[in-house]
Amino acid sequence: MVSTRKKPGTLYFTDVARLSVGAVVLTGNYYSLEDNSEERIALLSLTSGRWGGMDLSGIAHAVRCRGKLDDCQREYLILERNRGLYTVTPPSNVQFERIDTHRRGFLMDLRYIGGAWYAVGGNHQIYRQDGSGWRPFDYGVYIPGSDGEAKILLSVDGTASDDIYAVGMNGVVLHYDGISWKRIDAPTNCGLQRVLCVDRNEIYVCGYGNCVYRVEGGIWHNLINEPSETVYWDMALFRGNIFVCTKDTLFRVRGDALEEVNIPVEGRLNFYRMASDGNELWTCGGECLLRFDGSQWERYQFPDNL
């Protein structure tokens, strides 16, 4: 009988961020700790096919990069779910701070919008980082205590400091117009995993219950009409195309529908998170890491997963 027991270093990817051409930073979770109380983040880098990494304490919900593209000293920002933030400067300088020491609830997403960083999470928490540190930015939408435990914001994005969207469980969609947050009526009460802002008039949201929507000028267009339990986990804009993924399939938005993307690589495909710029689209999920340069797909294998 062939053993299915995984090696101690085997892991699955949980997020990816672009560093430069052919280079990304990722977070992952170890299979060996799935039934263990220990919380440990695998922070990985991949540059021109070479892997590096370190372990951090906690559970990561997002990884981002701060600094100029192609700068070898770009900082990695790792959002730890218990309102913590790691700042890692390669090769090994690690700093940790608490975004908030008084509130409860997990933090789920981190984005750079209009010159500032924003973090969102449970109890409809929203934070903004300014020159003096992190400050609550959720006046009028924060729900304290047990009433807010199921009120979770999962994603934030925007085009400017006066055009920010946050989405989450129960179909919640919030918009900040530079003055205050307002709730937007959405045609679903399913959890929304991601919001992607192309410009002020073109927004995409996706999530649970087989939902993918395009919002144009405030009008919601459903890109999927069949009811299903399918979850669409993430979206990315790459060279004018919107890509959206389930756990095992990548799609491209074509008009008012989704078109499956053919990816001619060997092995099982999995998707969860994506990162892109004008040069590359990267996807990660399970043990699968893929790079697309606009014409060719390439798969990368983490050594301990072999």
Protein backbone atom coordinates (compact mmCIF):
# COMPACT_ATOMS: atom_id res chain seq x y z
CA MET A 1 0.00 0.00 0.00
CA VAL A 2 1.30 3.46 -0.92
CA SER A 3 1.51 5.82 2.05
CA THR A 4 -0.45 9.09 1.76
CA ARG A 5 1.26 10.65 4.77
CA LYS A 6 2.75 14.02 3.88
CA LYS A 7 6.25 15.18 4.77
CA PRO A 8 6.54 17.67 7.68
CA GLY A 9 7.37 20.57 5.37
CA THR A 10 4.52 19.96 2.95
CA LEU A 11 2.20 22.95 2.70
CA TYR A 12 -0.59 24.62 0.78
CA PHE A 13 -0.56 28.22 -0.42
CA THR A 14 -2.89 30.85 1.04
CA ASP A 15 -1.90 34.08 -0.74
CA VAL A 16 0.51 35.53 -3.29
CA ALA A 17 1.92 39.00 -4.04
CA ARG A 18 4.00 40.21 -6.99
CA LEU A 19 7.59 41.33 -6.36
CA SER A 20 8.97 41.79 -9.87
CA VAL A 21 9.12 39.90 -13.15
CA GLY A 22 9.46 36.21 -12.28
CA ALA A 23 9.33 36.87 -8.53
CA VAL A 24 6.60 36.55 -5.91
CA VAL A 25 6.16 36.26 -2.16
CA LEU A 26 3.63 33.78 -0.77
CA THR A 27 2.11 32.60 2.48
CA GLY A 28 1.22 29.02 3.27
CA ASN A 29 -0.02 26.64 5.94
CA TYR A 30 1.63 23.35 6.90
CA TYR A 31 -0.48 20.21 6.61
CA SER A 32 1.28 18.77 9.67
CA LEU A 33 -0.22 21.51 11.87
CA GLU A 34 -3.83 21.10 10.71
CA ASP A 35 -4.77 19.12 13.84
CA ASN A 36 -2.35 20.97 16.09
CA SER A 37 -2.90 24.00 18.29
CA GLU A 38 0.32 25.59 16.99
CA GLU A 39 -0.23 28.47 14.57
CA ARG A 40 2.63 28.95 12.11
CA ILE A 41 2.89 30.91 8.87
CA ALA A 42 5.16 29.77 6.05
CA LEU A 43 6.47 32.93 4.38
CA LEU A 44 8.00 32.01 1.02
CA SER A 45 9.75 33.85 -1.78
CA LEU A 46 10.30 32.66 -5.33
CA THR A 47 12.76 34.51 -7.56
CA SER A 48 13.82 33.17 -10.96
CA GLY A 49 12.93 29.64 -9.85
CA ARG A 50 14.82 29.83 -6.53
CA TRP A 51 12.89 29.39 -3.27
CA GLY A 52 13.52 31.07 0.06
CA GLY A 53 11.53 31.45 3.23
CA MET A 54 11.03 31.65 6.96
CA ASP A 55 8.36 30.81 9.52
CA LEU A 56 6.31 33.32 11.49
CA SER A 57 3.89 32.83 14.36
CA GLY A 58 0.16 33.08 13.72
CA ILE A 59 -2.20 32.61 10.78
CA ALA A 60 -1.86 34.84 7.71
CA HIS A 61 -4.89 36.19 5.89
CA ALA A 62 -3.05 38.38 3.36
CA VAL A 63 0.42 39.13 2.02
CA ARG A 64 1.29 42.36 0.20
CA CYS A 65 4.43 44.21 -0.92
CA ARG A 66 5.40 47.77 -0.07
CA GLY A 67 7.96 49.75 -2.05
CA LYS A 68 8.95 50.26 -5.66
CA LEU A 69 8.61 47.40 -8.09
CA ASP A 70 11.93 45.61 -8.74
CA ASP A 71 13.46 47.03 -5.54
CA CYS A 72 15.27 44.11 -3.89
CA GLN A 73 14.55 45.68 -0.49
CA ARG A 74 10.79 45.82 -0.93
CA GLU A 75 9.02 45.09 2.33
CA TYR A 76 6.61 42.21 2.73
CA LEU A 77 3.46 42.95 4.75
CA ILE A 78 1.73 39.93 6.29
CA LEU A 79 -1.69 40.49 7.83
CA GLU A 80 -2.04 38.17 10.83
CA ARG A 81 -5.66 37.38 11.60
CA ASN A 82 -5.59 38.54 15.25
CA ARG A 83 -5.15 42.19 14.20
CA GLY A 84 -1.39 41.84 13.83
CA LEU A 85 0.90 42.98 11.02
CA TYR A 86 4.35 41.62 10.19
CA THR A 87 6.75 43.81 8.21
CA VAL A 88 9.59 41.76 6.72
CA THR A 89 12.57 43.37 5.00
CA PRO A 90 14.66 40.77 3.14
CA PRO A 91 16.56 38.80 3.95
CA SER A 92 15.54 38.40 7.60
CA ASN A 93 14.53 41.64 9.34
CA VAL A 94 11.12 41.05 10.96
CA GLN A 95 8.98 43.57 12.84
CA PHE A 96 5.55 42.99 14.36
CA GLU A 97 2.85 45.42 15.45
CA ARG A 98 -0.73 45.21 16.65
CA ILE A 99 -3.14 47.15 14.48
CA ASP A 100 -5.55 47.33 17.43
CA THR A 101 -5.07 46.05 20.98
CA HIS A 102 -8.57 46.80 22.27
CA ARG A 103 -11.02 45.26 19.81
CA ARG A 104 -11.85 41.63 19.08
CA GLY A 105 -12.42 39.90 15.77
CA PHE A 106 -10.18 38.71 12.94
CA LEU A 107 -8.71 40.86 10.17
CA MET A 108 -9.15 39.42 6.68
CA ASP A 109 -7.77 41.72 3.96
CA LEU A 110 -5.17 44.43 3.38
CA ARG A 111 -4.92 46.84 0.42
CA TYR A 112 -3.06 49.97 -0.62
CA ILE A 113 -5.58 52.53 -1.89
CA GLY A 114 -5.05 56.18 -2.73
CA GLY A 115 -1.79 56.55 -0.83
CA ALA A 116 -2.73 54.66 2.34
CA TRP A 117 -3.10 51.09 3.60
CA TYR A 118 -6.50 49.75 4.68
CA ALA A 119 -7.37 46.61 6.63
CA VAL A 120 -10.83 45.07 7.14
CA GLY A 121 -12.31 42.20 9.12
CA GLY A 122 -14.78 41.02 11.75
CA ASN A 123 -17.41 43.26 13.35
CA HIS A 124 -17.15 45.36 10.17
CA GLN A 125 -13.81 46.68 11.38
CA ILE A 126 -11.96 48.99 8.99
CA TYR A 127 -8.54 50.52 9.70
CA ARG A 128 -6.48 53.12 7.87
CA GLN A 129 -2.73 53.61 8.29
CA ASP A 130 -1.64 57.23 8.35
CA GLY A 131 1.57 58.94 9.45
CA SER A 132 0.89 58.26 13.12
CA GLY A 133 -0.05 54.59 12.77
CA TRP A 134 -3.23 52.58 12.38
CA ARG A 135 -6.56 54.22 13.21
CA PRO A 136 -10.16 52.95 13.14
CA PHE A 137 -11.82 54.11 9.92
CA ASP A 138 -15.24 52.55 10.44
CA TYR A 139 -17.42 55.24 12.01
CA GLY A 140 -21.05 54.32 11.44
CA VAL A 141 -20.41 50.73 10.30
CA TYR A 142 -18.48 49.09 13.16
CA ILE A 143 -20.62 46.60 15.12
CA PRO A 144 -19.14 45.92 18.59
CA GLY A 145 -19.51 42.86 20.78
CA SER A 146 -21.35 39.61 20.04
CA ASP A 147 -23.75 41.36 17.65
CA GLY A 148 -20.87 41.80 15.23
CA GLU A 149 -19.31 38.33 15.40
CA ALA A 150 -20.93 37.21 12.12
CA LYS A 151 -20.53 40.63 10.49
CA ILE A 152 -17.26 40.01 8.68
CA LEU A 153 -15.72 42.12 5.94
CA LEU A 154 -13.62 39.88 3.71
CA SER A 155 -12.24 42.25 1.08
CA VAL A 156 -11.44 45.90 0.43
CA ASP A 157 -10.46 47.72 -2.77
CA GLY A 158 -10.81 51.14 -4.35
CA THR A 159 -9.58 53.61 -6.92
CA ALA A 160 -8.88 56.60 -4.63
CA SER A 161 -9.23 57.79 -1.05
CA ASP A 162 -12.79 58.92 -1.83
CA ASP A 163 -13.82 55.74 -3.67
CA ILE A 164 -13.36 52.66 -1.47
CA TYR A 165 -15.46 49.48 -1.34
CA ALA A 166 -15.58 46.81 1.37
CA VAL A 167 -17.58 43.58 1.02
CA GLY A 168 -18.24 40.56 3.19
CA MET A 169 -20.63 38.06 4.69
CA ASN A 170 -24.40 38.25 4.17
CA GLY A 171 -23.98 40.20 0.95
CA VAL A 172 -22.77 43.37 2.64
CA VAL A 173 -21.33 46.05 0.35
CA LEU A 174 -20.02 49.30 1.84
CA HIS A 175 -18.79 52.36 -0.06
CA TYR A 176 -16.73 55.28 1.24
CA ASP A 177 -17.13 58.52 -0.75
CA GLY A 178 -14.55 60.62 1.06
CA ILE A 179 -17.01 61.69 3.75
CA SER A 180 -18.74 58.61 5.16
CA TRP A 181 -19.43 54.93 4.65
CA LYS A 182 -22.78 54.00 3.09
CA ARG A 183 -24.33 50.59 2.61
CA ILE A 184 -25.15 49.64 -0.98
CA ASP A 185 -28.04 47.31 -1.73
CA ALA A 186 -26.71 44.15 -3.39
CA PRO A 187 -28.90 41.58 -5.21
CA THR A 188 -27.62 38.76 -3.00
CA ASN A 189 -27.30 37.86 0.67
CA CYS A 190 -24.49 35.39 -0.01
CA GLY A 191 -21.04 36.04 1.39
CA LEU A 192 -18.84 38.11 -0.90
CA GLN A 193 -15.19 37.04 -0.98
CA ARG A 194 -13.68 39.71 -3.18
CA VAL A 195 -14.23 43.17 -4.62
CA LEU A 196 -12.18 44.44 -7.57
CA CYS A 197 -12.36 48.07 -8.71
CA VAL A 198 -11.35 48.62 -12.34
CA ASP A 199 -12.35 52.30 -12.23
CA ARG A 200 -14.99 54.43 -10.54
CA ASN A 201 -17.73 53.09 -12.80
CA GLU A 202 -16.73 49.43 -13.19
CA ILE A 203 -16.65 47.18 -10.12
CA TYR A 204 -16.63 43.39 -9.78
CA VAL A 205 -17.62 41.28 -6.77
CA CYS A 206 -17.60 37.51 -6.33
CA GLY A 207 -18.21 34.98 -3.60
CA TYR A 208 -20.45 32.23 -2.33
CA GLY A 209 -23.63 30.89 -3.94
CA ASN A 210 -22.19 30.93 -7.47
CA CYS A 211 -22.17 34.72 -7.61
CA VAL A 212 -20.06 36.93 -9.87
CA TYR A 213 -21.32 40.45 -10.51
CA ARG A 214 -20.21 43.42 -12.55
CA VAL A 215 -21.42 46.79 -11.29
CA GLU A 216 -21.49 49.55 -13.92
CA GLY A 217 -22.75 52.99 -13.01
CA GLY A 218 -24.50 51.51 -9.99
CA ILE A 219 -26.31 48.84 -12.05
CA TRP A 220 -25.66 45.21 -11.05
CA HIS A 221 -25.16 42.63 -13.81
CA ASN A 222 -25.21 38.95 -12.84
CA LEU A 223 -22.61 37.06 -14.88
CA ILE A 224 -23.89 33.64 -13.71
CA ASN A 225 -27.58 32.73 -13.76
CA GLU A 226 -27.57 29.13 -12.50
CA PRO A 227 -28.02 28.56 -8.74
CA SER A 228 -25.15 26.58 -7.23
CA GLU A 229 -23.04 26.19 -4.10
CA THR A 230 -19.89 27.11 -6.05
CA VAL A 231 -17.58 29.64 -4.40
CA TYR A 232 -15.64 32.15 -6.49
CA TRP A 233 -12.63 33.02 -4.34
CA ASP A 234 -10.71 35.77 -6.08
CA MET A 235 -10.40 38.08 -9.09
CA ALA A 236 -7.59 39.83 -10.92
CA LEU A 237 -7.24 42.36 -13.72
CA PHE A 238 -4.56 41.41 -16.24
CA ARG A 239 -4.01 43.19 -19.56
CA GLY A 240 -7.61 44.35 -19.82
CA ASN A 241 -9.13 41.00 -18.84
CA ILE A 242 -10.90 40.10 -15.60
CA PHE A 243 -9.96 36.66 -14.27
CA VAL A 244 -12.02 34.92 -11.58
CA CYS A 245 -11.43 31.54 -9.94
CA THR A 246 -13.14 28.71 -8.13
CA LYS A 247 -11.04 26.18 -6.22
CA ASP A 248 -10.35 24.14 -9.36
CA THR A 249 -11.11 26.34 -12.39
CA LEU A 250 -9.94 29.69 -13.73
CA PHE A 251 -12.31 31.80 -15.83
CA ARG A 252 -12.06 34.93 -17.94
CA VAL A 253 -14.95 37.40 -18.15
CA ARG A 254 -16.20 37.59 -21.73
CA GLY A 255 -19.00 40.12 -22.13
CA ASP A 256 -21.73 39.08 -19.69
CA ALA A 257 -20.48 35.52 -19.18
CA LEU A 258 -17.52 33.49 -17.95
CA GLU A 259 -15.20 31.54 -20.23
CA GLU A 260 -13.04 28.75 -18.82
CA VAL A 261 -9.31 29.30 -19.31
CA ASN A 262 -7.33 26.41 -20.78
CA ILE A 263 -4.09 25.94 -18.83
CA PRO A 264 -1.84 23.37 -20.56
CA VAL A 265 0.34 22.27 -17.64
CA GLU A 266 0.72 18.89 -15.99
CA GLY A 267 -0.78 18.06 -12.62
CA ARG A 268 -3.86 18.96 -10.64
CA LEU A 269 -4.96 22.58 -10.81
CA ASN A 270 -6.09 24.49 -7.74
CA PHE A 271 -6.83 28.17 -7.24
CA TYR A 272 -7.50 30.44 -4.27
CA ARG A 273 -5.70 33.79 -4.60
CA MET A 274 -4.26 35.80 -7.49
CA ALA A 275 -1.88 38.72 -8.07
CA SER A 276 -1.18 40.62 -11.27
CA ASP A 277 0.30 43.66 -12.97
CA GLY A 278 0.96 44.54 -16.60
CA ASN A 279 3.66 41.86 -16.90
CA GLU A 280 2.32 38.75 -15.19
CA LEU A 281 -0.64 37.00 -13.63
CA TRP A 282 0.09 34.64 -10.74
CA THR A 283 -2.39 32.22 -9.16
CA CYS A 284 -2.04 30.00 -6.11
CA GLY A 285 -4.19 27.45 -4.35
CA GLY A 286 -3.60 24.11 -2.69
CA GLU A 287 -0.10 23.07 -3.80
CA CYS A 288 -0.48 24.74 -7.20
CA LEU A 289 1.42 27.91 -8.17
CA LEU A 290 1.05 29.22 -11.73
CA ARG A 291 2.51 32.12 -13.71
CA PHE A 292 1.04 33.54 -16.93
CA ASP A 293 2.94 36.10 -19.02
CA GLY A 294 0.12 36.71 -21.49
CA SER A 295 1.05 33.90 -23.85
CA GLN A 296 2.45 31.00 -21.84
CA TRP A 297 1.61 29.27 -18.55
CA GLU A 298 4.30 27.92 -16.22
CA ARG A 299 3.90 25.85 -13.07
CA TYR A 300 6.22 26.04 -10.04
CA GLN A 301 6.57 23.27 -7.47
CA PHE A 302 7.55 23.95 -3.87
CA PRO A 303 10.41 21.47 -3.12
CA ASP A 304 8.89 20.00 0.06
CA ASN A 305 5.68 19.22 -1.86
CA LEU A 306 7.48 16.92 -4.31
